[in-house]
Amino acid sequence: MTTDQKTFRRYLLTVFDDQCSDIIRTMMWMSNHFQRWPHTVRVAYHRLSVPERNAVVREVLVNGD
């Protein structure tokens, strides 16, 4: 996993916990509040390809942590 993926993963897990482990709410919150993301997370997210982003989401869904 790349550094950018790890950065995105940490933030995704934080939001996932805040949203009571509901992935749909997590993805909606992240979409609706993109401008509130920390700058480092936004930069990392933009540097990731779609398959790299999907790999992070897949890992969180499968492993839950």
N, C-alpha and C. Protein backbone atom coordinates (compact mmCIF):
# COMPACT_ATOMS: atom_id res chain seq x y z
N MET A 1 0.85 -1.18 0.00
CA MET A 1 0.00 0.00 0.00
C MET A 1 0.90 1.24 0.00
N THR A 2 0.56 2.19 -0.86
CA THR A 2 1.36 3.41 -0.98
C THR A 2 1.10 4.34 0.21
N THR A 3 1.94 5.33 0.35
CA THR A 3 1.77 6.33 1.41
C THR A 3 0.44 7.06 1.24
N ASP A 4 0.11 7.42 0.01
CA ASP A 4 -1.16 8.11 -0.24
C ASP A 4 -2.35 7.21 0.12
N GLN A 5 -2.26 5.95 -0.19
CA GLN A 5 -3.33 5.02 0.19
C GLN A 5 -3.47 4.92 1.71
N LYS A 6 -2.35 4.89 2.40
CA LYS A 6 -2.38 4.81 3.86
C LYS A 6 -3.01 6.07 4.46
N THR A 7 -2.69 7.22 3.88
CA THR A 7 -3.26 8.48 4.35
C THR A 7 -4.77 8.47 4.15
N PHE A 8 -5.21 8.09 2.96
CA PHE A 8 -6.64 8.02 2.67
C PHE A 8 -7.32 6.99 3.55
N ARG A 9 -6.68 5.86 3.76
CA ARG A 9 -7.25 4.78 4.59
C ARG A 9 -7.47 5.24 6.02
N ARG A 10 -6.48 5.93 6.60
CA ARG A 10 -6.62 6.42 7.98
C ARG A 10 -7.82 7.35 8.10
N TYR A 11 -7.97 8.24 7.13
CA TYR A 11 -9.08 9.18 7.19
C TYR A 11 -10.42 8.45 6.97
N LEU A 12 -10.44 7.54 6.02
CA LEU A 12 -11.65 6.76 5.76
C LEU A 12 -12.07 6.01 7.02
N LEU A 13 -11.13 5.41 7.71
CA LEU A 13 -11.46 4.69 8.94
C LEU A 13 -11.97 5.62 10.03
N THR A 14 -11.41 6.82 10.11
CA THR A 14 -11.88 7.80 11.09
C THR A 14 -13.34 8.16 10.83
N VAL A 15 -13.64 8.46 9.58
CA VAL A 15 -15.02 8.81 9.23
C VAL A 15 -15.93 7.60 9.41
N PHE A 16 -15.47 6.43 9.04
CA PHE A 16 -16.22 5.19 9.19
C PHE A 16 -16.61 4.99 10.66
N ASP A 17 -15.68 5.21 11.56
CA ASP A 17 -15.98 5.12 13.00
C ASP A 17 -16.98 6.18 13.42
N ASP A 18 -16.79 7.40 12.94
CA ASP A 18 -17.71 8.50 13.27
C ASP A 18 -19.13 8.23 12.77
N GLN A 19 -19.25 7.49 11.70
CA GLN A 19 -20.56 7.19 11.10
C GLN A 19 -21.09 5.82 11.55
N CYS A 20 -20.62 5.36 12.70
CA CYS A 20 -21.11 4.11 13.32
C CYS A 20 -20.93 2.90 12.41
N SER A 21 -19.80 2.84 11.73
CA SER A 21 -19.44 1.71 10.87
C SER A 21 -20.45 1.46 9.75
N ASP A 22 -21.06 2.52 9.27
CA ASP A 22 -22.01 2.45 8.15
C ASP A 22 -21.29 2.98 6.91
N ILE A 23 -20.95 2.08 5.98
CA ILE A 23 -20.15 2.48 4.83
C ILE A 23 -20.91 3.42 3.90
N ILE A 24 -22.22 3.24 3.77
CA ILE A 24 -22.99 4.14 2.91
C ILE A 24 -22.97 5.55 3.48
N ARG A 25 -23.23 5.69 4.77
CA ARG A 25 -23.17 7.01 5.41
C ARG A 25 -21.77 7.60 5.31
N THR A 26 -20.76 6.76 5.46
CA THR A 26 -19.38 7.21 5.37
C THR A 26 -19.09 7.81 3.99
N MET A 27 -19.46 7.09 2.95
CA MET A 27 -19.18 7.56 1.59
C MET A 27 -19.99 8.82 1.28
N MET A 28 -21.22 8.89 1.74
CA MET A 28 -22.03 10.09 1.53
C MET A 28 -21.42 11.28 2.26
N TRP A 29 -21.02 11.08 3.52
CA TRP A 29 -20.42 12.16 4.29
C TRP A 29 -19.15 12.66 3.61
N MET A 30 -18.32 11.72 3.18
CA MET A 30 -17.07 12.11 2.55
C MET A 30 -17.33 12.86 1.25
N SER A 31 -18.31 12.45 0.50
CA SER A 31 -18.65 13.14 -0.74
C SER A 31 -19.19 14.54 -0.48
N ASN A 32 -20.05 14.66 0.51
CA ASN A 32 -20.69 15.95 0.81
C ASN A 32 -19.79 16.94 1.55
N HIS A 33 -18.71 16.45 2.14
CA HIS A 33 -17.85 17.31 2.95
C HIS A 33 -16.40 17.31 2.46
N PHE A 34 -16.22 17.14 1.16
CA PHE A 34 -14.87 17.06 0.61
C PHE A 34 -14.01 18.26 0.99
N GLN A 35 -14.57 19.44 1.01
CA GLN A 35 -13.80 20.65 1.34
C GLN A 35 -13.39 20.69 2.80
N ARG A 36 -14.01 19.89 3.65
CA ARG A 36 -13.64 19.83 5.06
C ARG A 36 -12.55 18.81 5.34
N TRP A 37 -12.19 18.01 4.35
CA TRP A 37 -11.12 17.04 4.55
C TRP A 37 -9.82 17.78 4.85
N PRO A 38 -8.96 17.20 5.67
CA PRO A 38 -7.64 17.80 5.86
C PRO A 38 -6.91 17.90 4.51
N HIS A 39 -6.14 18.95 4.36
CA HIS A 39 -5.42 19.20 3.10
C HIS A 39 -4.59 17.99 2.67
N THR A 40 -3.88 17.39 3.60
CA THR A 40 -3.01 16.25 3.25
C THR A 40 -3.82 15.08 2.70
N VAL A 41 -5.01 14.88 3.21
CA VAL A 41 -5.86 13.79 2.74
C VAL A 41 -6.38 14.10 1.34
N ARG A 42 -6.79 15.33 1.10
CA ARG A 42 -7.26 15.71 -0.23
C ARG A 42 -6.17 15.54 -1.27
N VAL A 43 -4.96 15.96 -0.93
CA VAL A 43 -3.83 15.82 -1.86
C VAL A 43 -3.57 14.34 -2.15
N ALA A 44 -3.54 13.52 -1.10
CA ALA A 44 -3.31 12.09 -1.27
C ALA A 44 -4.41 11.47 -2.14
N TYR A 45 -5.65 11.84 -1.87
CA TYR A 45 -6.80 11.32 -2.63
C TYR A 45 -6.66 11.65 -4.12
N HIS A 46 -6.30 12.86 -4.45
CA HIS A 46 -6.17 13.26 -5.84
C HIS A 46 -5.01 12.55 -6.55
N ARG A 47 -4.01 12.15 -5.81
CA ARG A 47 -2.88 11.45 -6.43
C ARG A 47 -3.17 9.98 -6.68
N LEU A 48 -4.21 9.45 -6.05
CA LEU A 48 -4.55 8.03 -6.22
C LEU A 48 -5.36 7.81 -7.49
N SER A 49 -5.09 6.68 -8.13
CA SER A 49 -5.91 6.29 -9.28
C SER A 49 -7.21 5.67 -8.74
N VAL A 50 -8.17 5.51 -9.61
CA VAL A 50 -9.44 4.89 -9.20
C VAL A 50 -9.20 3.48 -8.65
N PRO A 51 -8.41 2.64 -9.31
CA PRO A 51 -8.16 1.30 -8.74
C PRO A 51 -7.48 1.37 -7.35
N GLU A 52 -6.60 2.34 -7.15
CA GLU A 52 -5.94 2.48 -5.84
C GLU A 52 -6.95 2.90 -4.77
N ARG A 53 -7.84 3.83 -5.11
CA ARG A 53 -8.89 4.24 -4.16
C ARG A 53 -9.80 3.06 -3.84
N ASN A 54 -10.20 2.35 -4.88
CA ASN A 54 -11.08 1.20 -4.68
C ASN A 54 -10.42 0.12 -3.82
N ALA A 55 -9.12 -0.05 -3.97
CA ALA A 55 -8.40 -1.04 -3.15
C ALA A 55 -8.49 -0.67 -1.67
N VAL A 56 -8.40 0.62 -1.38
CA VAL A 56 -8.50 1.07 0.02
C VAL A 56 -9.89 0.79 0.55
N VAL A 57 -10.92 1.16 -0.20
CA VAL A 57 -12.30 0.94 0.24
C VAL A 57 -12.55 -0.56 0.40
N ARG A 58 -12.08 -1.35 -0.55
CA ARG A 58 -12.26 -2.80 -0.48
C ARG A 58 -11.62 -3.37 0.79
N GLU A 59 -10.41 -2.92 1.09
CA GLU A 59 -9.73 -3.42 2.28
C GLU A 59 -10.49 -3.07 3.54
N VAL A 60 -11.00 -1.86 3.62
CA VAL A 60 -11.77 -1.45 4.80
C VAL A 60 -13.04 -2.29 4.92
N LEU A 61 -13.70 -2.55 3.79
CA LEU A 61 -14.92 -3.35 3.83
C LEU A 61 -14.67 -4.79 4.22
N VAL A 62 -13.60 -5.36 3.69
CA VAL A 62 -13.31 -6.76 3.97
C VAL A 62 -12.73 -6.95 5.37
N ASN A 63 -11.79 -6.10 5.73
CA ASN A 63 -11.11 -6.25 7.02
C ASN A 63 -11.77 -5.49 8.15
N GLY A 64 -12.44 -4.42 7.84
CA GLY A 64 -13.11 -3.62 8.85
C GLY A 64 -12.17 -2.80 9.70
N ASP A 65 -10.89 -2.83 9.41
CA ASP A 65 -9.94 -1.99 10.18
C ASP A 65 -8.76 -1.57 9.33
